[in-house]
């Protein structure tokens, strides 16, 4: 089971590290990540394996959302199945 995490907001030090740490603490394994900084705006997409996650998906969503609020960025996490369904015509 996988999930897609997106992070958007004003660039500052440690965004990738803090989001990665939240994932690691609950056993979510980062499979792939891409990030860019465009004119001071940070954008990141992570593909994460949540098969061995030690907390329910809803709790992971809440913790990542709270971590984003703490950093001043918007963090969104979506189950891979929903992501794929949204992008299938």
N, C-alpha and C. Protein backbone atom coordinates (compact mmCIF):
# COMPACT_ATOMS: atom_id res chain seq x y z
N UNK A 1 0.85 -1.17 0.00
CA UNK A 1 0.00 0.00 0.00
C UNK A 1 0.90 1.23 0.00
N UNK A 2 0.62 2.18 -0.90
CA UNK A 2 1.44 3.37 -1.02
C UNK A 2 0.60 4.64 -0.89
N UNK A 3 1.30 5.74 -0.68
CA UNK A 3 0.65 7.04 -0.58
C UNK A 3 1.51 8.07 -1.30
N UNK A 4 0.88 9.17 -1.68
CA UNK A 4 1.56 10.29 -2.31
C UNK A 4 1.47 11.47 -1.34
N UNK A 5 2.62 12.04 -1.01
CA UNK A 5 2.68 13.21 -0.13
C UNK A 5 3.16 14.39 -0.95
N UNK A 6 2.43 15.50 -0.88
CA UNK A 6 2.88 16.73 -1.53
C UNK A 6 3.09 17.79 -0.47
N UNK A 7 4.11 18.62 -0.70
CA UNK A 7 4.42 19.72 0.21
C UNK A 7 4.64 20.96 -0.63
N UNK A 8 3.93 22.04 -0.29
CA UNK A 8 4.05 23.31 -0.99
C UNK A 8 4.12 24.45 0.01
N UNK A 9 4.98 25.41 -0.27
CA UNK A 9 5.04 26.59 0.59
C UNK A 9 6.33 27.35 0.42
N UNK A 10 6.49 28.37 1.22
CA UNK A 10 7.69 29.17 1.19
C UNK A 10 8.88 28.32 1.64
N UNK A 11 9.97 28.39 0.90
CA UNK A 11 11.15 27.58 1.20
C UNK A 11 11.78 28.00 2.53
N UNK A 12 12.17 27.01 3.31
CA UNK A 12 12.98 27.24 4.50
C UNK A 12 13.75 25.97 4.82
N UNK A 13 14.71 26.07 5.68
CA UNK A 13 15.61 24.97 5.99
C UNK A 13 14.87 23.83 6.70
N UNK A 14 15.12 22.60 6.25
CA UNK A 14 14.65 21.42 6.97
C UNK A 14 13.32 20.84 6.60
N UNK A 15 12.68 21.34 5.55
CA UNK A 15 11.35 20.82 5.20
C UNK A 15 11.43 19.33 4.88
N UNK A 16 12.32 18.96 3.98
CA UNK A 16 12.46 17.56 3.60
C UNK A 16 12.80 16.69 4.81
N UNK A 17 13.72 17.16 5.63
CA UNK A 17 14.13 16.39 6.81
C UNK A 17 12.98 16.18 7.78
N UNK A 18 12.19 17.20 8.02
CA UNK A 18 11.10 17.10 8.99
C UNK A 18 9.98 16.18 8.51
N UNK A 19 9.64 16.28 7.22
CA UNK A 19 8.61 15.40 6.67
C UNK A 19 9.12 13.96 6.66
N UNK A 20 10.37 13.77 6.25
CA UNK A 20 10.97 12.43 6.24
C UNK A 20 11.00 11.82 7.64
N UNK A 21 11.33 12.63 8.62
CA UNK A 21 11.38 12.16 10.01
C UNK A 21 10.00 11.71 10.49
N UNK A 22 8.97 12.48 10.15
CA UNK A 22 7.60 12.08 10.53
C UNK A 22 7.26 10.72 9.93
N UNK A 23 7.66 10.51 8.68
CA UNK A 23 7.40 9.22 8.03
C UNK A 23 8.18 8.10 8.73
N UNK A 24 9.45 8.34 8.98
CA UNK A 24 10.31 7.32 9.59
C UNK A 24 9.81 6.92 10.98
N UNK A 25 9.32 7.87 11.75
CA UNK A 25 8.86 7.59 13.11
C UNK A 25 7.71 6.58 13.15
N UNK A 26 6.93 6.50 12.06
CA UNK A 26 5.79 5.59 12.05
C UNK A 26 5.99 4.42 11.09
N UNK A 27 7.20 4.29 10.54
CA UNK A 27 7.51 3.15 9.68
C UNK A 27 7.09 3.30 8.24
N UNK A 28 6.79 4.50 7.81
CA UNK A 28 6.46 4.74 6.39
C UNK A 28 7.78 4.92 5.63
N UNK A 29 7.99 4.11 4.60
CA UNK A 29 9.25 4.11 3.86
C UNK A 29 9.14 4.97 2.61
N UNK A 30 10.03 5.93 2.48
CA UNK A 30 10.05 6.80 1.31
C UNK A 30 10.68 6.05 0.14
N UNK A 31 9.90 5.87 -0.91
CA UNK A 31 10.35 5.14 -2.09
C UNK A 31 11.01 6.08 -3.09
N UNK A 32 10.37 7.22 -3.29
CA UNK A 32 10.87 8.17 -4.29
C UNK A 32 10.49 9.58 -3.86
N UNK A 33 11.37 10.53 -4.16
CA UNK A 33 11.09 11.92 -3.81
C UNK A 33 11.67 12.84 -4.88
N UNK A 34 10.94 13.90 -5.16
CA UNK A 34 11.43 14.95 -6.02
C UNK A 34 11.06 16.28 -5.39
N UNK A 35 11.96 17.24 -5.51
CA UNK A 35 11.67 18.56 -4.94
C UNK A 35 12.28 19.64 -5.80
N UNK A 36 11.69 20.82 -5.74
CA UNK A 36 12.19 21.98 -6.46
C UNK A 36 11.95 23.22 -5.63
N UNK A 37 12.78 24.21 -5.85
CA UNK A 37 12.57 25.52 -5.27
C UNK A 37 12.47 26.49 -6.44
N UNK A 38 11.32 27.14 -6.57
CA UNK A 38 11.06 28.07 -7.66
C UNK A 38 10.76 29.43 -7.09
N UNK A 39 11.69 30.38 -7.30
CA UNK A 39 11.52 31.75 -6.81
C UNK A 39 11.11 31.79 -5.35
N UNK A 40 11.78 30.98 -4.54
CA UNK A 40 11.53 30.98 -3.11
C UNK A 40 10.39 30.10 -2.64
N UNK A 41 9.73 29.43 -3.57
CA UNK A 41 8.63 28.53 -3.22
C UNK A 41 9.12 27.09 -3.31
N UNK A 42 8.85 26.31 -2.25
CA UNK A 42 9.27 24.92 -2.16
C UNK A 42 8.15 24.03 -2.64
N UNK A 43 8.48 23.04 -3.49
CA UNK A 43 7.50 22.06 -3.96
C UNK A 43 8.13 20.68 -3.89
N UNK A 44 7.44 19.74 -3.27
CA UNK A 44 7.97 18.38 -3.14
C UNK A 44 6.85 17.37 -3.32
N UNK A 45 7.20 16.25 -3.96
CA UNK A 45 6.30 15.11 -4.08
C UNK A 45 7.07 13.89 -3.59
N UNK A 46 6.45 13.14 -2.69
CA UNK A 46 7.05 11.91 -2.16
C UNK A 46 6.10 10.75 -2.45
N UNK A 47 6.69 9.63 -2.84
CA UNK A 47 5.94 8.38 -2.98
C UNK A 47 6.38 7.51 -1.82
N UNK A 48 5.43 7.09 -0.97
CA UNK A 48 5.76 6.46 0.30
C UNK A 48 5.04 5.12 0.44
N UNK A 49 5.78 4.11 0.88
CA UNK A 49 5.19 2.81 1.18
C UNK A 49 4.67 2.84 2.62
N UNK A 50 3.36 2.69 2.77
CA UNK A 50 2.75 2.75 4.10
C UNK A 50 2.30 1.37 4.59
N UNK A 51 2.78 0.32 3.92
CA UNK A 51 2.39 -1.06 4.28
C UNK A 51 2.73 -1.41 5.73
N UNK A 52 3.86 -0.94 6.21
CA UNK A 52 4.32 -1.27 7.57
C UNK A 52 4.14 -0.11 8.54
N UNK A 53 3.27 0.81 8.21
CA UNK A 53 3.03 1.98 9.06
C UNK A 53 2.43 1.53 10.40
N UNK A 54 2.97 2.06 11.47
CA UNK A 54 2.54 1.65 12.81
C UNK A 54 1.30 2.40 13.32
N UNK A 55 0.80 3.33 12.53
CA UNK A 55 -0.39 4.10 12.92
C UNK A 55 -1.41 4.03 11.79
N UNK A 56 -2.68 4.24 12.09
CA UNK A 56 -3.69 4.27 11.03
C UNK A 56 -3.42 5.43 10.05
N UNK A 57 -3.86 5.26 8.81
CA UNK A 57 -3.64 6.27 7.77
C UNK A 57 -4.14 7.65 8.22
N UNK A 58 -5.30 7.70 8.85
CA UNK A 58 -5.86 8.98 9.30
C UNK A 58 -4.93 9.69 10.29
N UNK A 59 -4.28 8.92 11.15
CA UNK A 59 -3.35 9.51 12.12
C UNK A 59 -2.10 10.04 11.41
N UNK A 60 -1.63 9.34 10.38
CA UNK A 60 -0.50 9.82 9.59
C UNK A 60 -0.86 11.13 8.90
N UNK A 61 -2.06 11.18 8.34
CA UNK A 61 -2.53 12.42 7.70
C UNK A 61 -2.51 13.56 8.71
N UNK A 62 -3.06 13.32 9.89
CA UNK A 62 -3.12 14.37 10.92
C UNK A 62 -1.73 14.83 11.35
N UNK A 63 -0.80 13.88 11.54
CA UNK A 63 0.54 14.26 12.01
C UNK A 63 1.31 15.02 10.94
N UNK A 64 1.17 14.63 9.67
CA UNK A 64 1.85 15.36 8.61
C UNK A 64 1.24 16.74 8.38
N UNK A 65 -0.08 16.82 8.49
CA UNK A 65 -0.74 18.12 8.36
C UNK A 65 -0.29 19.06 9.46
N UNK A 66 -0.22 18.55 10.68
CA UNK A 66 0.24 19.36 11.82
C UNK A 66 1.69 19.78 11.65
N UNK A 67 2.53 18.88 11.16
CA UNK A 67 3.94 19.21 10.93
C UNK A 67 4.04 20.30 9.86
N UNK A 68 3.23 20.23 8.84
CA UNK A 68 3.21 21.27 7.81
C UNK A 68 2.79 22.61 8.38
N UNK A 69 1.75 22.61 9.21
CA UNK A 69 1.30 23.85 9.85
C UNK A 69 2.41 24.45 10.70
N UNK A 70 3.13 23.60 11.41
CA UNK A 70 4.24 24.03 12.26
C UNK A 70 5.35 24.69 11.42
N UNK A 71 5.57 24.19 10.21
CA UNK A 71 6.63 24.71 9.34
C UNK A 71 6.15 25.84 8.43
N UNK A 72 4.85 26.06 8.39
CA UNK A 72 4.31 27.11 7.53
C UNK A 72 4.18 26.69 6.07
N UNK A 73 4.01 25.37 5.85
CA UNK A 73 3.80 24.86 4.49
C UNK A 73 2.55 23.98 4.48
N UNK A 74 2.05 23.71 3.30
CA UNK A 74 0.87 22.87 3.14
C UNK A 74 1.32 21.45 2.80
N UNK A 75 1.00 20.49 3.66
CA UNK A 75 1.32 19.08 3.41
C UNK A 75 0.01 18.35 3.15
N UNK A 76 -0.01 17.60 2.07
CA UNK A 76 -1.21 16.83 1.71
C UNK A 76 -0.78 15.39 1.45
N UNK A 77 -1.50 14.43 2.00
CA UNK A 77 -1.19 13.02 1.76
C UNK A 77 -2.45 12.32 1.25
N UNK A 78 -2.25 11.51 0.22
CA UNK A 78 -3.37 10.84 -0.42
C UNK A 78 -2.98 9.38 -0.70
N UNK A 79 -3.89 8.48 -0.44
CA UNK A 79 -3.66 7.07 -0.75
C UNK A 79 -3.44 6.94 -2.25
N UNK A 80 -2.52 6.08 -2.64
CA UNK A 80 -2.17 5.90 -4.05
C UNK A 80 -3.38 5.55 -4.91
N UNK A 81 -4.27 4.73 -4.42
CA UNK A 81 -5.45 4.34 -5.21
C UNK A 81 -6.32 5.54 -5.57
N UNK A 82 -6.50 6.44 -4.63
CA UNK A 82 -7.29 7.65 -4.88
C UNK A 82 -6.55 8.55 -5.86
N UNK A 83 -5.24 8.70 -5.66
CA UNK A 83 -4.43 9.51 -6.57
C UNK A 83 -4.54 8.98 -7.99
N UNK A 84 -4.40 7.67 -8.17
CA UNK A 84 -4.49 7.08 -9.50
C UNK A 84 -5.89 7.24 -10.10
N UNK A 85 -6.91 7.07 -9.30
CA UNK A 85 -8.29 7.23 -9.80
C UNK A 85 -8.56 8.65 -10.24
N UNK A 86 -8.00 9.61 -9.54
CA UNK A 86 -8.20 11.02 -9.91
C UNK A 86 -7.52 11.38 -11.23
N UNK A 87 -6.46 10.63 -11.56
CA UNK A 87 -5.68 10.97 -12.75
C UNK A 87 -5.86 9.96 -13.88
N UNK A 88 -6.99 9.24 -13.85
CA UNK A 88 -7.32 8.30 -14.90
C UNK A 88 -8.54 8.81 -15.64
N UNK A 89 -8.42 8.84 -16.93
CA UNK A 89 -9.56 9.33 -17.74
C UNK A 89 -10.31 8.16 -18.32
